Amino acid sequence: MDADRTTRALARIEQALARIEAAARQPRAAEVQRRHDKLKAAVQDSLQQLDLLIEGTQG
């Protein structure tokens, strides 16, 4: 009987760990996407500024 209780307890622990790991991955993915979007916007802005500087020296 103790082995059965231990087995069930270990199964519950493994299930809980799987839920925790899945939850931990979600915010991280969202954070990475947010940072990517922010960096992409900053690079686009910098490229636009460079284009304006180049046009200013040519015209």
N, C-alpha and C. Protein backbone atom coordinates (compact mmCIF):
# COMPACT_ATOMS: atom_id res chain seq x y z
N MET A 1 0.82 -1.19 0.00
CA MET A 1 0.00 0.00 0.00
C MET A 1 0.87 1.26 0.00
N ASP A 2 1.96 1.25 0.74
CA ASP A 2 2.83 2.42 0.76
C ASP A 2 3.45 2.67 -0.61
N ALA A 3 3.77 1.61 -1.33
CA ALA A 3 4.35 1.77 -2.67
C ALA A 3 3.34 2.43 -3.61
N ASP A 4 2.07 2.05 -3.48
CA ASP A 4 1.03 2.64 -4.33
C ASP A 4 0.87 4.12 -4.02
N ARG A 5 0.87 4.49 -2.76
CA ARG A 5 0.75 5.90 -2.36
C ARG A 5 1.96 6.69 -2.85
N THR A 6 3.13 6.08 -2.74
CA THR A 6 4.35 6.75 -3.20
C THR A 6 4.31 6.96 -4.71
N THR A 7 3.87 5.96 -5.43
CA THR A 7 3.77 6.06 -6.88
C THR A 7 2.79 7.16 -7.28
N ARG A 8 1.65 7.22 -6.63
CA ARG A 8 0.66 8.26 -6.93
C ARG A 8 1.21 9.64 -6.59
N ALA A 9 1.90 9.74 -5.46
CA ALA A 9 2.47 11.03 -5.07
C ALA A 9 3.53 11.49 -6.06
N LEU A 10 4.37 10.57 -6.51
CA LEU A 10 5.39 10.92 -7.50
C LEU A 10 4.74 11.34 -8.82
N ALA A 11 3.68 10.68 -9.20
CA ALA A 11 2.97 11.04 -10.43
C ALA A 11 2.39 12.44 -10.31
N ARG A 12 1.82 12.78 -9.16
CA ARG A 12 1.27 14.13 -8.96
C ARG A 12 2.39 15.17 -8.99
N ILE A 13 3.51 14.84 -8.40
CA ILE A 13 4.64 15.77 -8.40
C ILE A 13 5.14 16.00 -9.82
N GLU A 14 5.24 14.94 -10.60
CA GLU A 14 5.69 15.07 -11.99
C GLU A 14 4.70 15.89 -12.81
N GLN A 15 3.41 15.69 -12.59
CA GLN A 15 2.40 16.48 -13.29
C GLN A 15 2.49 17.96 -12.91
N ALA A 16 2.69 18.22 -11.63
CA ALA A 16 2.81 19.60 -11.18
C ALA A 16 4.06 20.26 -11.78
N LEU A 17 5.14 19.51 -11.82
CA LEU A 17 6.38 20.03 -12.40
C LEU A 17 6.18 20.34 -13.89
N ALA A 18 5.49 19.49 -14.59
CA ALA A 18 5.21 19.73 -16.01
C ALA A 18 4.39 21.00 -16.18
N ARG A 19 3.40 21.22 -15.32
CA ARG A 19 2.58 22.44 -15.40
C ARG A 19 3.43 23.68 -15.10
N ILE A 20 4.30 23.58 -14.11
CA ILE A 20 5.16 24.71 -13.75
C ILE A 20 6.09 25.05 -14.90
N GLU A 21 6.70 24.02 -15.49
CA GLU A 21 7.61 24.25 -16.61
C GLU A 21 6.88 24.88 -17.80
N ALA A 22 5.69 24.42 -18.09
CA ALA A 22 4.92 24.98 -19.20
C ALA A 22 4.57 26.44 -18.93
N ALA A 23 4.18 26.73 -17.71
CA ALA A 23 3.84 28.11 -17.35
C ALA A 23 5.07 29.01 -17.40
N ALA A 24 6.21 28.47 -17.01
CA ALA A 24 7.43 29.27 -17.01
C ALA A 24 7.88 29.62 -18.42
N ARG A 25 7.60 28.76 -19.36
CA ARG A 25 8.00 29.02 -20.75
C ARG A 25 7.14 30.10 -21.39
N GLN A 26 5.91 30.21 -21.04
CA GLN A 26 5.00 31.16 -21.68
C GLN A 26 5.41 32.61 -21.49
N PRO A 27 5.59 33.09 -20.28
CA PRO A 27 5.97 34.50 -20.12
C PRO A 27 7.32 34.79 -20.75
N ARG A 28 8.22 33.83 -20.68
CA ARG A 28 9.54 34.05 -21.25
C ARG A 28 9.42 34.25 -22.76
N ALA A 29 8.61 33.44 -23.41
CA ALA A 29 8.42 33.59 -24.86
C ALA A 29 7.80 34.94 -25.17
N ALA A 30 6.85 35.35 -24.38
CA ALA A 30 6.21 36.65 -24.60
C ALA A 30 7.21 37.78 -24.37
N GLU A 31 8.05 37.64 -23.37
CA GLU A 31 9.06 38.66 -23.06
C GLU A 31 10.08 38.74 -24.19
N VAL A 32 10.50 37.60 -24.70
CA VAL A 32 11.46 37.60 -25.81
C VAL A 32 10.85 38.27 -27.03
N GLN A 33 9.60 37.98 -27.31
CA GLN A 33 8.92 38.60 -28.46
C GLN A 33 8.81 40.10 -28.28
N ARG A 34 8.47 40.54 -27.07
CA ARG A 34 8.36 41.97 -26.80
C ARG A 34 9.71 42.66 -27.00
N ARG A 35 10.76 42.05 -26.50
CA ARG A 35 12.09 42.64 -26.64
C ARG A 35 12.53 42.66 -28.10
N HIS A 36 12.19 41.60 -28.82
CA HIS A 36 12.51 41.53 -30.25
C HIS A 36 11.81 42.66 -31.01
N ASP A 37 10.54 42.85 -30.73
CA ASP A 37 9.78 43.91 -31.39
C ASP A 37 10.35 45.29 -31.08
N LYS A 38 10.75 45.48 -29.83
CA LYS A 38 11.32 46.76 -29.43
C LYS A 38 12.66 47.00 -30.13
N LEU A 39 13.48 45.98 -30.19
CA LEU A 39 14.77 46.10 -30.86
C LEU A 39 14.59 46.33 -32.36
N LYS A 40 13.65 45.62 -32.95
CA LYS A 40 13.38 45.78 -34.38
C LYS A 40 12.94 47.22 -34.69
N ALA A 41 12.09 47.77 -33.86
CA ALA A 41 11.63 49.15 -34.05
C ALA A 41 12.80 50.12 -33.91
N ALA A 42 13.68 49.88 -32.96
CA ALA A 42 14.83 50.76 -32.77
C ALA A 42 15.77 50.70 -33.97
N VAL A 43 15.97 49.52 -34.51
CA VAL A 43 16.83 49.38 -35.69
C VAL A 43 16.19 50.07 -36.89
N GLN A 44 14.90 49.91 -37.06
CA GLN A 44 14.22 50.58 -38.18
C GLN A 44 14.34 52.10 -38.05
N ASP A 45 14.19 52.60 -36.83
CA ASP A 45 14.31 54.04 -36.61
C ASP A 45 15.73 54.52 -36.94
N SER A 46 16.72 53.75 -36.51
CA SER A 46 18.11 54.12 -36.79
C SER A 46 18.39 54.11 -38.28
N LEU A 47 17.86 53.12 -38.99
CA LEU A 47 18.06 53.06 -40.44
C LEU A 47 17.39 54.24 -41.14
N GLN A 48 16.24 54.64 -40.68
CA GLN A 48 15.56 55.80 -41.27
C GLN A 48 16.39 57.07 -41.04
N GLN A 49 16.96 57.20 -39.85
CA GLN A 49 17.80 58.36 -39.58
C GLN A 49 19.05 58.37 -40.46
N LEU A 50 19.63 57.20 -40.65
CA LEU A 50 20.80 57.11 -41.53
C LEU A 50 20.43 57.47 -42.96
N ASP A 51 19.28 57.00 -43.42
CA ASP A 51 18.83 57.36 -44.76
C ASP A 51 18.70 58.87 -44.91
N LEU A 52 18.14 59.52 -43.91
CA LEU A 52 17.99 60.97 -43.96
C LEU A 52 19.36 61.68 -43.99
N LEU A 53 20.28 61.17 -43.20
CA LEU A 53 21.64 61.76 -43.19
C LEU A 53 22.32 61.58 -44.54
N ILE A 54 22.18 60.41 -45.11
CA ILE A 54 22.80 60.14 -46.42
C ILE A 54 22.18 61.04 -47.48
N GLU A 55 20.87 61.16 -47.46
CA GLU A 55 20.18 62.04 -48.43
C GLU A 55 20.61 63.48 -48.26
N GLY A 56 20.83 63.89 -47.01
CA GLY A 56 21.25 65.26 -46.75
C GLY A 56 22.64 65.57 -47.28
N THR A 57 23.52 64.60 -47.28
CA THR A 57 24.87 64.83 -47.79
C THR A 57 24.93 64.76 -49.31
N GLN A 58 23.95 64.12 -49.91
CA GLN A 58 23.94 63.98 -51.37
C GLN A 58 23.17 65.13 -52.04
N GLY A 59 22.28 65.74 -51.31
CA GLY A 59 21.42 66.72 -51.95
C GLY A 59 21.76 68.08 -51.56
